[in-house]
């Protein structure tokens, strides 16, 4: 399994994984990703900007995540808590999803580990991520990887998300 930067050749697989993840969330009564986000333009922009990374299993994309270094505007205000770091470079995890055929096989853990390695290479002090209140699978994944609940952030559409951060040990 290889964790690598996505290319435009990966677009269709990434879109398929995101689309099936959206259906999975809906089937499990989780309102996350039930609107226009994430969409084709988000995926294209992620790839063109070098933000999108994939898990490649012998030439087949089986997982995807967008990793953005720099300030996340929706994280400027956090309620009911505070970030672990202030004024330090951080990487934000967005749009993490695994091919439905490989759920519960540990691939999400590989995406998190790969994300942390990229963050270290980019000299980020920490990683921040948010998830929907009802997305217990993502919450559990984050806690297993020692992410700390920091508070609540408000998305552009006004919905609330649980916010987590992990301070990275530099290798």
N, C-alpha and C. Protein backbone atom coordinates (compact mmCIF):
# COMPACT_ATOMS: atom_id res chain seq x y z
N UNK A 1 0.86 -1.18 0.00
CA UNK A 1 0.00 0.00 0.00
C UNK A 1 0.90 1.23 0.00
N UNK A 2 0.63 2.13 -0.92
CA UNK A 2 1.44 3.34 -1.06
C UNK A 2 0.56 4.57 -0.80
N UNK A 3 1.07 5.51 0.00
CA UNK A 3 0.41 6.77 0.27
C UNK A 3 1.11 7.81 -0.60
N UNK A 4 0.38 8.42 -1.52
CA UNK A 4 1.03 9.32 -2.48
C UNK A 4 0.12 10.49 -2.83
N UNK A 5 0.72 11.49 -3.47
CA UNK A 5 -0.04 12.64 -3.97
C UNK A 5 -0.92 12.18 -5.13
N UNK A 6 -2.15 12.63 -5.16
CA UNK A 6 -3.08 12.27 -6.23
C UNK A 6 -2.73 13.02 -7.51
N UNK A 7 -3.09 12.42 -8.62
CA UNK A 7 -2.97 13.06 -9.93
C UNK A 7 -4.36 13.14 -10.56
N UNK A 8 -4.47 13.87 -11.64
CA UNK A 8 -5.77 13.96 -12.32
C UNK A 8 -6.23 12.59 -12.82
N UNK A 9 -5.31 11.67 -13.04
CA UNK A 9 -5.70 10.31 -13.43
C UNK A 9 -6.49 9.60 -12.32
N UNK A 10 -6.34 10.06 -11.09
CA UNK A 10 -7.04 9.46 -9.95
C UNK A 10 -8.43 10.05 -9.72
N UNK A 11 -8.77 11.09 -10.46
CA UNK A 11 -10.01 11.84 -10.23
C UNK A 11 -11.25 10.94 -10.15
N UNK A 12 -11.45 10.07 -11.13
CA UNK A 12 -12.66 9.24 -11.15
C UNK A 12 -12.76 8.34 -9.93
N UNK A 13 -11.65 7.75 -9.51
CA UNK A 13 -11.67 6.88 -8.32
C UNK A 13 -11.96 7.69 -7.06
N UNK A 14 -11.34 8.87 -6.96
CA UNK A 14 -11.58 9.72 -5.79
C UNK A 14 -13.05 10.12 -5.74
N UNK A 15 -13.60 10.54 -6.88
CA UNK A 15 -15.00 10.93 -6.93
C UNK A 15 -15.90 9.75 -6.54
N UNK A 16 -15.59 8.56 -7.03
CA UNK A 16 -16.36 7.37 -6.68
C UNK A 16 -16.31 7.10 -5.17
N UNK A 17 -15.13 7.19 -4.58
CA UNK A 17 -14.98 6.95 -3.14
C UNK A 17 -15.77 7.98 -2.33
N UNK A 18 -15.68 9.24 -2.72
CA UNK A 18 -16.43 10.30 -2.03
C UNK A 18 -17.94 10.07 -2.18
N UNK A 19 -18.39 9.71 -3.37
CA UNK A 19 -19.81 9.48 -3.62
C UNK A 19 -20.34 8.32 -2.80
N UNK A 20 -19.60 7.24 -2.72
CA UNK A 20 -20.07 6.09 -1.93
C UNK A 20 -19.99 6.38 -0.44
N UNK A 21 -19.01 7.19 -0.02
CA UNK A 21 -18.94 7.59 1.38
C UNK A 21 -20.14 8.47 1.74
N UNK A 22 -20.53 9.35 0.84
CA UNK A 22 -21.71 10.19 1.05
C UNK A 22 -22.94 9.30 1.26
N UNK A 23 -23.10 8.27 0.42
CA UNK A 23 -24.24 7.36 0.54
C UNK A 23 -24.18 6.58 1.86
N UNK A 24 -22.98 6.16 2.25
CA UNK A 24 -22.80 5.45 3.52
C UNK A 24 -23.23 6.33 4.70
N UNK A 25 -22.81 7.58 4.68
CA UNK A 25 -23.21 8.51 5.75
C UNK A 25 -24.73 8.67 5.78
N UNK A 26 -25.32 8.83 4.62
CA UNK A 26 -26.78 8.97 4.55
C UNK A 26 -27.48 7.72 5.08
N UNK A 27 -27.01 6.55 4.67
CA UNK A 27 -27.61 5.30 5.12
C UNK A 27 -27.51 5.11 6.62
N UNK A 28 -26.54 5.76 7.24
CA UNK A 28 -26.34 5.67 8.68
C UNK A 28 -26.85 6.90 9.42
N UNK A 29 -27.71 7.67 8.75
CA UNK A 29 -28.38 8.84 9.33
C UNK A 29 -27.40 9.90 9.85
N UNK A 30 -26.27 10.03 9.16
CA UNK A 30 -25.30 11.07 9.48
C UNK A 30 -25.43 12.15 8.42
N UNK A 31 -25.85 13.35 8.80
CA UNK A 31 -26.10 14.39 7.80
C UNK A 31 -24.86 15.02 7.15
N UNK A 32 -23.69 14.58 7.53
CA UNK A 32 -22.45 15.09 6.95
C UNK A 32 -22.39 14.74 5.46
N UNK A 33 -21.94 15.68 4.64
CA UNK A 33 -21.74 15.52 3.19
C UNK A 33 -23.05 15.29 2.44
N UNK A 34 -24.18 15.71 2.97
CA UNK A 34 -25.45 15.46 2.30
C UNK A 34 -25.89 16.61 1.39
N UNK A 35 -25.11 17.68 1.37
CA UNK A 35 -25.39 18.79 0.46
C UNK A 35 -24.42 18.75 -0.71
N UNK A 36 -24.13 19.91 -1.26
CA UNK A 36 -23.25 19.97 -2.44
C UNK A 36 -21.77 19.76 -2.12
N UNK A 37 -21.41 19.72 -0.86
CA UNK A 37 -20.01 19.54 -0.46
C UNK A 37 -19.79 18.11 0.01
N UNK A 38 -18.70 17.49 -0.33
CA UNK A 38 -17.71 17.90 -1.33
C UNK A 38 -18.20 17.58 -2.74
N UNK A 39 -17.75 18.37 -3.68
CA UNK A 39 -18.21 18.19 -5.06
C UNK A 39 -17.03 18.03 -6.02
N UNK A 40 -17.36 17.92 -7.29
CA UNK A 40 -16.34 17.70 -8.31
C UNK A 40 -15.29 18.80 -8.32
N UNK A 41 -15.73 20.06 -8.14
CA UNK A 41 -14.78 21.17 -8.13
C UNK A 41 -13.82 21.09 -6.94
N UNK A 42 -14.34 20.66 -5.77
CA UNK A 42 -13.48 20.50 -4.60
C UNK A 42 -12.38 19.47 -4.88
N UNK A 43 -12.77 18.36 -5.49
CA UNK A 43 -11.81 17.30 -5.78
C UNK A 43 -10.78 17.77 -6.81
N UNK A 44 -11.26 18.42 -7.87
CA UNK A 44 -10.34 18.93 -8.90
C UNK A 44 -9.36 19.92 -8.29
N UNK A 45 -9.86 20.85 -7.50
CA UNK A 45 -8.99 21.84 -6.87
C UNK A 45 -7.98 21.18 -5.94
N UNK A 46 -8.43 20.19 -5.15
CA UNK A 46 -7.51 19.48 -4.26
C UNK A 46 -6.36 18.86 -5.05
N UNK A 47 -6.69 18.23 -6.16
CA UNK A 47 -5.66 17.57 -6.97
C UNK A 47 -4.73 18.62 -7.59
N UNK A 48 -5.30 19.65 -8.19
CA UNK A 48 -4.49 20.66 -8.86
C UNK A 48 -3.57 21.42 -7.90
N UNK A 49 -4.03 21.59 -6.66
CA UNK A 49 -3.22 22.30 -5.66
C UNK A 49 -2.23 21.39 -4.94
N UNK A 50 -2.31 20.10 -5.20
CA UNK A 50 -1.42 19.15 -4.53
C UNK A 50 -1.86 18.81 -3.12
N UNK A 51 -3.13 19.05 -2.80
CA UNK A 51 -3.67 18.76 -1.46
C UNK A 51 -4.14 17.32 -1.33
N UNK A 52 -4.54 16.72 -2.42
CA UNK A 52 -5.16 15.40 -2.34
C UNK A 52 -4.10 14.30 -2.33
N UNK A 53 -4.25 13.40 -1.37
CA UNK A 53 -3.39 12.22 -1.26
C UNK A 53 -4.27 10.99 -1.34
N UNK A 54 -3.70 9.92 -1.85
CA UNK A 54 -4.47 8.67 -1.98
C UNK A 54 -3.67 7.50 -1.43
N UNK A 55 -4.42 6.48 -1.03
CA UNK A 55 -3.83 5.17 -0.75
C UNK A 55 -3.95 4.38 -2.03
N UNK A 56 -2.83 3.92 -2.53
CA UNK A 56 -2.75 3.20 -3.79
C UNK A 56 -2.40 1.75 -3.48
N UNK A 57 -3.31 0.85 -3.82
CA UNK A 57 -3.10 -0.57 -3.61
C UNK A 57 -2.80 -1.21 -4.96
N UNK A 58 -1.53 -1.30 -5.30
CA UNK A 58 -1.09 -1.91 -6.55
C UNK A 58 -1.78 -1.29 -7.77
N UNK A 59 -1.84 0.05 -7.79
CA UNK A 59 -2.41 0.77 -8.93
C UNK A 59 -3.87 1.14 -8.80
N UNK A 60 -4.53 0.70 -7.73
CA UNK A 60 -5.93 1.06 -7.52
C UNK A 60 -6.06 1.97 -6.30
N UNK A 61 -6.70 3.11 -6.48
CA UNK A 61 -6.93 4.04 -5.38
C UNK A 61 -8.03 3.48 -4.49
N UNK A 62 -7.70 3.31 -3.19
CA UNK A 62 -8.65 2.71 -2.24
C UNK A 62 -8.98 3.64 -1.07
N UNK A 63 -8.32 4.79 -1.02
CA UNK A 63 -8.60 5.76 0.03
C UNK A 63 -8.14 7.13 -0.41
N UNK A 64 -8.73 8.16 0.18
CA UNK A 64 -8.42 9.54 -0.22
C UNK A 64 -8.50 10.47 0.98
N UNK A 65 -7.70 11.51 0.95
CA UNK A 65 -7.73 12.55 1.99
C UNK A 65 -7.13 13.82 1.40
N UNK A 66 -7.68 14.96 1.80
CA UNK A 66 -7.12 16.26 1.41
C UNK A 66 -6.38 16.83 2.61
N UNK A 67 -5.16 17.29 2.39
CA UNK A 67 -4.30 17.82 3.44
C UNK A 67 -3.88 19.23 3.08
N UNK A 68 -4.29 20.18 3.89
CA UNK A 68 -4.03 21.58 3.58
C UNK A 68 -3.19 22.21 4.69
N UNK A 69 -2.02 22.69 4.32
CA UNK A 69 -1.15 23.38 5.27
C UNK A 69 -1.51 24.86 5.24
N UNK A 70 -1.71 25.43 6.40
CA UNK A 70 -2.05 26.86 6.48
C UNK A 70 -3.34 27.05 7.24
N UNK A 71 -3.71 28.28 7.39
CA UNK A 71 -4.89 28.60 8.19
C UNK A 71 -6.17 28.12 7.54
N UNK A 72 -7.01 27.52 8.34
CA UNK A 72 -8.36 27.13 7.93
C UNK A 72 -9.31 28.20 8.47
N UNK A 73 -9.95 28.98 7.58
CA UNK A 73 -10.79 30.09 8.04
C UNK A 73 -11.87 29.69 9.04
N UNK A 74 -12.47 28.52 8.88
CA UNK A 74 -13.53 28.12 9.82
C UNK A 74 -12.98 27.78 11.20
N UNK A 75 -11.67 27.71 11.34
CA UNK A 75 -11.06 27.39 12.63
C UNK A 75 -10.62 28.64 13.39
N UNK A 76 -10.84 29.82 12.82
CA UNK A 76 -10.45 31.05 13.51
C UNK A 76 -11.18 31.21 14.83
N UNK A 77 -12.44 30.78 14.86
CA UNK A 77 -13.23 30.85 16.09
C UNK A 77 -13.58 29.44 16.52
N UNK A 78 -13.24 29.13 17.74
CA UNK A 78 -13.60 27.83 18.32
C UNK A 78 -14.37 28.10 19.60
N UNK A 79 -15.48 27.40 19.76
CA UNK A 79 -16.34 27.60 20.92
C UNK A 79 -16.18 26.43 21.88
N UNK A 80 -16.51 26.68 23.13
CA UNK A 80 -16.52 25.64 24.17
C UNK A 80 -15.16 24.97 24.34
N UNK A 81 -14.10 25.72 24.10
CA UNK A 81 -12.76 25.17 24.26
C UNK A 81 -11.75 26.04 23.55
N UNK A 82 -10.57 25.46 23.28
CA UNK A 82 -9.53 26.18 22.57
C UNK A 82 -8.59 25.18 21.91
N UNK A 83 -7.89 25.66 20.89
CA UNK A 83 -6.91 24.83 20.22
C UNK A 83 -5.73 24.57 21.14
N UNK A 84 -5.04 23.47 20.91
CA UNK A 84 -3.87 23.13 21.72
C UNK A 84 -2.69 24.03 21.41
N UNK A 85 -2.60 24.48 20.16
CA UNK A 85 -1.50 25.35 19.74
C UNK A 85 -2.08 26.69 19.26
N UNK A 86 -1.27 27.69 19.39
CA UNK A 86 -1.65 29.03 18.92
C UNK A 86 -0.51 29.56 18.05
N UNK A 87 -0.85 30.19 16.94
CA UNK A 87 0.15 30.83 16.08
C UNK A 87 1.26 29.89 15.62
N UNK A 88 0.95 28.62 15.46
CA UNK A 88 1.91 27.65 14.96
C UNK A 88 1.38 27.06 13.66
N UNK A 89 2.26 26.71 12.74
CA UNK A 89 1.77 26.12 11.48
C UNK A 89 1.10 24.77 11.74
N UNK A 90 -0.06 24.60 11.13
CA UNK A 90 -0.77 23.33 11.27
C UNK A 90 -1.28 22.88 9.90
N UNK A 91 -1.55 21.59 9.82
CA UNK A 91 -2.12 20.98 8.64
C UNK A 91 -3.55 20.59 8.99
N UNK A 92 -4.46 20.77 8.05
CA UNK A 92 -5.86 20.40 8.27
C UNK A 92 -6.21 19.20 7.40
N UNK A 93 -6.87 18.23 8.03
CA UNK A 93 -7.38 17.06 7.30
C UNK A 93 -8.80 17.37 6.83
N UNK A 94 -9.04 17.15 5.55
CA UNK A 94 -10.37 17.29 4.96
C UNK A 94 -10.68 16.04 4.13
N UNK A 95 -11.95 15.75 3.97
CA UNK A 95 -12.46 14.79 2.99
C UNK A 95 -11.76 13.42 3.02
N UNK A 96 -11.64 12.86 4.20
CA UNK A 96 -11.05 11.53 4.35
C UNK A 96 -12.12 10.48 4.07
N UNK A 97 -11.82 9.54 3.18
CA UNK A 97 -12.78 8.48 2.84
C UNK A 97 -12.03 7.27 2.31
N UNK A 98 -12.67 6.10 2.52
CA UNK A 98 -12.11 4.82 2.10
C UNK A 98 -13.11 4.14 1.18
N UNK A 99 -12.60 3.45 0.17
CA UNK A 99 -13.44 2.66 -0.74
C UNK A 99 -14.31 1.71 0.10
N UNK A 100 -15.59 1.65 -0.24
CA UNK A 100 -16.54 0.87 0.55
C UNK A 100 -16.15 -0.61 0.66
N UNK A 101 -15.44 -1.14 -0.30
CA UNK A 101 -15.03 -2.55 -0.27
C UNK A 101 -13.96 -2.82 0.79
N UNK A 102 -13.34 -1.74 1.28
CA UNK A 102 -12.22 -1.89 2.20
C UNK A 102 -12.49 -1.29 3.57
N UNK A 103 -13.74 -0.96 3.85
CA UNK A 103 -14.06 -0.42 5.18
C UNK A 103 -13.78 -1.47 6.24
N UNK A 104 -13.38 -1.00 7.40
CA UNK A 104 -13.06 -1.86 8.56
C UNK A 104 -11.85 -2.75 8.31
N UNK A 105 -10.97 -2.32 7.42
CA UNK A 105 -9.75 -3.09 7.14
C UNK A 105 -8.49 -2.30 7.54
N UNK A 106 -8.68 -1.18 8.25
CA UNK A 106 -7.54 -0.41 8.74
C UNK A 106 -7.01 0.65 7.79
N UNK A 107 -7.69 0.86 6.66
CA UNK A 107 -7.17 1.84 5.70
C UNK A 107 -7.29 3.28 6.21
N UNK A 108 -8.33 3.56 6.98
CA UNK A 108 -8.46 4.92 7.54
C UNK A 108 -7.28 5.21 8.47
N UNK A 109 -6.83 4.19 9.19
CA UNK A 109 -5.65 4.36 10.05
C UNK A 109 -4.42 4.70 9.20
N UNK A 110 -4.29 4.03 8.05
CA UNK A 110 -3.16 4.33 7.16
C UNK A 110 -3.25 5.76 6.62
N UNK A 111 -4.46 6.22 6.33
CA UNK A 111 -4.63 7.60 5.87
C UNK A 111 -4.22 8.60 6.96
N UNK A 112 -4.59 8.31 8.21
CA UNK A 112 -4.20 9.20 9.31
C UNK A 112 -2.68 9.19 9.49
N UNK A 113 -2.09 8.00 9.50
CA UNK A 113 -0.64 7.92 9.67
C UNK A 113 0.09 8.62 8.53
N UNK A 114 -0.37 8.42 7.31
CA UNK A 114 0.23 9.10 6.17
C UNK A 114 0.09 10.61 6.27
N UNK A 115 -1.06 11.05 6.73
CA UNK A 115 -1.31 12.49 6.91
C UNK A 115 -0.34 13.08 7.93
N UNK A 116 -0.11 12.35 9.01
CA UNK A 116 0.81 12.83 10.04
C UNK A 116 2.24 12.91 9.50
N UNK A 117 2.62 11.97 8.68
CA UNK A 117 3.96 12.00 8.09
C UNK A 117 4.12 13.19 7.14
N UNK A 118 3.10 13.45 6.35
CA UNK A 118 3.13 14.62 5.46
C UNK A 118 3.22 15.90 6.29
N UNK A 119 2.46 15.97 7.36
CA UNK A 119 2.49 17.17 8.22
C UNK A 119 3.89 17.39 8.78
N UNK A 120 4.53 16.33 9.21
CA UNK A 120 5.91 16.46 9.72
C UNK A 120 6.85 16.96 8.62
N UNK A 121 6.72 16.38 7.43
CA UNK A 121 7.59 16.80 6.31
C UNK A 121 7.39 18.27 5.98
N UNK A 122 6.16 18.74 6.15
CA UNK A 122 5.86 20.14 5.84
C UNK A 122 6.11 21.05 7.05
N UNK A 123 6.67 20.46 8.10
CA UNK A 123 7.04 21.17 9.32
C UNK A 123 5.86 21.79 10.06
N UNK A 124 4.72 21.12 9.98
CA UNK A 124 3.56 21.54 10.77
C UNK A 124 3.79 21.12 12.22
N UNK A 125 3.36 21.94 13.12
CA UNK A 125 3.46 21.64 14.55
C UNK A 125 2.34 20.69 14.98
N UNK A 126 1.19 20.82 14.29
CA UNK A 126 0.03 20.01 14.67
C UNK A 126 -0.85 19.73 13.46
N UNK A 127 -1.83 18.88 13.71
CA UNK A 127 -2.88 18.61 12.72
C UNK A 127 -4.21 18.92 13.37
N UNK A 128 -5.06 19.60 12.62
CA UNK A 128 -6.42 19.89 13.06
C UNK A 128 -7.40 19.22 12.12
N UNK A 129 -8.55 18.85 12.67
CA UNK A 129 -9.58 18.17 11.89
C UNK A 129 -10.91 18.37 12.59
N UNK A 130 -11.98 18.38 11.82
CA UNK A 130 -13.31 18.45 12.42
C UNK A 130 -14.17 17.34 11.84
N UNK A 131 -15.22 16.99 12.57
CA UNK A 131 -16.16 16.00 12.08
C UNK A 131 -17.55 16.27 12.65
N UNK A 132 -18.53 15.75 11.99
CA UNK A 132 -19.92 15.90 12.41
C UNK A 132 -20.13 15.20 13.75
N UNK A 133 -21.02 15.75 14.55
CA UNK A 133 -21.31 15.18 15.87
C UNK A 133 -21.73 13.71 15.78
N UNK A 134 -22.42 13.34 14.73
CA UNK A 134 -22.93 11.97 14.63
C UNK A 134 -21.96 11.02 13.93
N UNK A 135 -20.83 11.50 13.49
CA UNK A 135 -19.88 10.65 12.80
C UNK A 135 -18.97 9.97 13.84
N UNK A 136 -19.52 8.97 14.49
CA UNK A 136 -18.81 8.28 15.56
C UNK A 136 -17.59 7.50 15.04
N UNK A 137 -17.66 7.00 13.81
CA UNK A 137 -16.52 6.27 13.26
C UNK A 137 -15.30 7.18 13.15
N UNK A 138 -15.50 8.40 12.64
CA UNK A 138 -14.39 9.33 12.52
C UNK A 138 -13.91 9.77 13.90
N UNK A 139 -14.84 10.03 14.79
CA UNK A 139 -14.46 10.42 16.15
C UNK A 139 -13.61 9.33 16.79
N UNK A 140 -14.03 8.09 16.66
CA UNK A 140 -13.28 6.96 17.23
C UNK A 140 -11.90 6.86 16.60
N UNK A 141 -11.81 7.02 15.29
CA UNK A 141 -10.53 6.98 14.59
C UNK A 141 -9.58 8.04 15.14
N UNK A 142 -10.08 9.25 15.29
CA UNK A 142 -9.24 10.34 15.79
C UNK A 142 -8.76 10.06 17.21
N UNK A 143 -9.64 9.60 18.06
CA UNK A 143 -9.26 9.32 19.45
C UNK A 143 -8.23 8.19 19.52
N UNK A 144 -8.36 7.19 18.67
CA UNK A 144 -7.38 6.10 18.65
C UNK A 144 -6.00 6.59 18.24
N UNK A 145 -5.95 7.69 17.52
CA UNK A 145 -4.67 8.25 17.09
C UNK A 145 -4.24 9.44 17.96
N UNK A 146 -4.83 9.53 19.14
CA UNK A 146 -4.45 10.53 20.14
C UNK A 146 -4.76 11.98 19.78
N UNK A 147 -5.79 12.18 18.96
CA UNK A 147 -6.27 13.53 18.72
C UNK A 147 -7.08 13.95 19.93
N UNK A 148 -6.97 15.21 20.29
CA UNK A 148 -7.63 15.74 21.48
C UNK A 148 -8.82 16.60 21.07
N UNK A 149 -9.96 16.35 21.70
CA UNK A 149 -11.14 17.20 21.45
C UNK A 149 -10.84 18.59 21.98
N UNK A 150 -11.05 19.60 21.14
CA UNK A 150 -10.71 20.98 21.50
C UNK A 150 -11.92 21.90 21.63
N UNK A 151 -13.06 21.55 21.03
CA UNK A 151 -14.23 22.41 21.09
C UNK A 151 -15.07 22.26 19.83
N UNK A 152 -15.80 23.32 19.53
CA UNK A 152 -16.77 23.30 18.44
C UNK A 152 -16.42 24.40 17.44
N UNK A 153 -16.44 24.04 16.15
CA UNK A 153 -16.26 25.04 15.10
C UNK A 153 -17.54 25.11 14.27
N UNK A 154 -17.75 26.27 13.66
CA UNK A 154 -18.95 26.50 12.86
C UNK A 154 -18.55 26.52 11.39
N UNK A 155 -19.19 25.66 10.61
CA UNK A 155 -18.92 25.60 9.18
C UNK A 155 -19.57 26.79 8.46
N UNK A 156 -19.19 26.99 7.22
CA UNK A 156 -19.74 28.09 6.43
C UNK A 156 -21.26 28.02 6.31
N UNK A 157 -21.82 26.80 6.35
CA UNK A 157 -23.27 26.65 6.24
C UNK A 157 -23.98 26.77 7.59
N UNK A 158 -23.22 27.08 8.64
CA UNK A 158 -23.80 27.29 9.96
C UNK A 158 -23.87 26.04 10.83
N UNK A 159 -23.52 24.89 10.29
CA UNK A 159 -23.56 23.66 11.09
C UNK A 159 -22.35 23.59 12.01
N UNK A 160 -22.52 22.87 13.09
CA UNK A 160 -21.47 22.73 14.09
C UNK A 160 -20.70 21.42 13.88
N UNK A 161 -19.42 21.46 14.19
CA UNK A 161 -18.57 20.27 14.09
C UNK A 161 -17.70 20.16 15.33
N UNK A 162 -17.43 18.93 15.72
CA UNK A 162 -16.44 18.67 16.77
C UNK A 162 -15.07 18.93 16.18
N UNK A 163 -14.22 19.62 16.92
CA UNK A 163 -12.88 19.96 16.45
C UNK A 163 -11.82 19.25 17.30
N UNK A 164 -10.82 18.72 16.62
CA UNK A 164 -9.76 17.96 17.26
C UNK A 164 -8.40 18.47 16.78
N UNK A 165 -7.41 18.27 17.62
CA UNK A 165 -6.04 18.63 17.23
C UNK A 165 -5.07 17.63 17.85
N UNK A 166 -4.00 17.40 17.13
CA UNK A 166 -2.90 16.56 17.64
C UNK A 166 -1.61 17.32 17.43
N UNK A 167 -0.86 17.50 18.52
CA UNK A 167 0.46 18.09 18.42
C UNK A 167 1.42 16.96 18.02
N UNK A 168 2.19 17.21 16.99
CA UNK A 168 3.06 16.18 16.43
C UNK A 168 4.43 16.17 17.09
N UNK A 169 4.92 14.98 17.32
CA UNK A 169 6.31 14.83 17.72
C UNK A 169 7.12 14.87 16.43
N UNK A 170 8.15 15.67 16.43
CA UNK A 170 8.98 15.77 15.22
C UNK A 170 9.98 14.63 15.22
N UNK A 171 10.13 14.01 14.04
CA UNK A 171 11.06 12.88 13.95
C UNK A 171 12.38 13.29 13.35
